[in-house]
């Protein structure tokens, strides 16, 4: 497995995690606003 492929996969994974965290935080904010 070439190293550049690993780098791309890591970058994609980080981007995906970042989106998940942002979505989670925004939903958390909504819950806080309601409460």
N, C-alpha and C. Protein backbone atom coordinates (compact mmCIF):
# COMPACT_ATOMS: atom_id res chain seq x y z
N UNK A 1 0.86 -1.19 0.00
CA UNK A 1 0.00 0.00 0.00
C UNK A 1 0.89 1.24 0.00
N UNK A 2 0.81 2.05 -1.06
CA UNK A 2 1.67 3.24 -1.16
C UNK A 2 1.34 4.26 -0.07
N UNK A 3 2.35 4.99 0.33
CA UNK A 3 2.17 5.94 1.43
C UNK A 3 1.23 7.08 1.06
N UNK A 4 1.25 7.50 -0.22
CA UNK A 4 0.36 8.61 -0.60
C UNK A 4 -1.10 8.19 -0.48
N UNK A 5 -1.36 6.91 -0.72
CA UNK A 5 -2.72 6.41 -0.57
C UNK A 5 -3.15 6.48 0.90
N UNK A 6 -2.24 6.11 1.79
CA UNK A 6 -2.52 6.18 3.23
C UNK A 6 -2.80 7.62 3.63
N UNK A 7 -2.02 8.54 3.10
CA UNK A 7 -2.19 9.96 3.42
C UNK A 7 -3.57 10.44 2.98
N UNK A 8 -3.96 10.04 1.77
CA UNK A 8 -5.28 10.44 1.25
C UNK A 8 -6.39 9.86 2.13
N UNK A 9 -6.25 8.61 2.49
CA UNK A 9 -7.26 7.97 3.34
C UNK A 9 -7.37 8.68 4.69
N UNK A 10 -6.24 9.02 5.27
CA UNK A 10 -6.23 9.72 6.56
C UNK A 10 -6.91 11.07 6.42
N UNK A 11 -6.62 11.75 5.33
CA UNK A 11 -7.22 13.07 5.11
C UNK A 11 -8.73 12.96 4.97
N UNK A 12 -9.17 11.95 4.21
CA UNK A 12 -10.61 11.74 4.03
C UNK A 12 -11.27 11.41 5.38
N UNK A 13 -10.61 10.58 6.15
CA UNK A 13 -11.15 10.19 7.45
C UNK A 13 -11.25 11.40 8.37
N UNK A 14 -10.24 12.24 8.38
CA UNK A 14 -10.25 13.44 9.21
C UNK A 14 -11.38 14.38 8.79
N UNK A 15 -11.55 14.53 7.48
CA UNK A 15 -12.62 15.39 6.97
C UNK A 15 -13.98 14.86 7.40
N UNK A 16 -14.14 13.55 7.30
CA UNK A 16 -15.39 12.91 7.69
C UNK A 16 -15.66 13.11 9.18
N UNK A 17 -14.63 12.90 9.99
CA UNK A 17 -14.77 13.09 11.44
C UNK A 17 -15.11 14.53 11.77
N UNK A 18 -14.48 15.44 11.07
CA UNK A 18 -14.73 16.87 11.29
C UNK A 18 -16.20 17.20 11.03
N UNK A 19 -16.72 16.66 9.94
CA UNK A 19 -18.13 16.89 9.61
C UNK A 19 -19.04 16.30 10.69
N UNK A 20 -18.71 15.10 11.14
CA UNK A 20 -19.50 14.45 12.18
C UNK A 20 -19.52 15.29 13.45
N UNK A 21 -18.36 15.77 13.85
CA UNK A 21 -18.24 16.57 15.07
C UNK A 21 -19.03 17.86 14.94
N UNK A 22 -18.93 18.51 13.79
CA UNK A 22 -19.66 19.76 13.59
C UNK A 22 -21.17 19.52 13.65
N UNK A 23 -21.62 18.43 13.04
CA UNK A 23 -23.05 18.10 13.06
C UNK A 23 -23.49 17.84 14.49
N UNK A 24 -22.68 17.09 15.22
CA UNK A 24 -23.00 16.76 16.61
C UNK A 24 -23.08 18.03 17.46
N UNK A 25 -22.14 18.93 17.28
CA UNK A 25 -22.12 20.18 18.05
C UNK A 25 -23.32 21.05 17.72
N UNK A 26 -23.67 21.14 16.45
CA UNK A 26 -24.81 21.97 16.06
C UNK A 26 -26.11 21.39 16.64
N UNK A 27 -26.23 20.08 16.66
CA UNK A 27 -27.41 19.45 17.26
C UNK A 27 -27.43 19.69 18.76
N UNK A 28 -26.26 19.66 19.37
CA UNK A 28 -26.15 19.92 20.79
C UNK A 28 -26.61 21.34 21.09
N UNK A 29 -26.21 22.28 20.25
CA UNK A 29 -26.61 23.68 20.42
C UNK A 29 -28.12 23.81 20.33
N UNK A 30 -28.73 23.09 19.41
CA UNK A 30 -30.18 23.13 19.27
C UNK A 30 -30.85 22.65 20.55
N UNK A 31 -30.34 21.56 21.09
CA UNK A 31 -30.89 21.01 22.33
C UNK A 31 -30.74 22.02 23.47
N UNK A 32 -29.61 22.67 23.54
CA UNK A 32 -29.36 23.67 24.57
C UNK A 32 -30.34 24.84 24.43
N UNK A 33 -30.57 25.27 23.20
CA UNK A 33 -31.48 26.39 22.95
C UNK A 33 -32.90 26.04 23.41
N UNK A 34 -33.33 24.83 23.10
CA UNK A 34 -34.67 24.40 23.48
C UNK A 34 -34.79 24.35 25.00
N UNK A 35 -33.76 23.86 25.65
CA UNK A 35 -33.76 23.72 27.10
C UNK A 35 -33.45 25.07 27.76
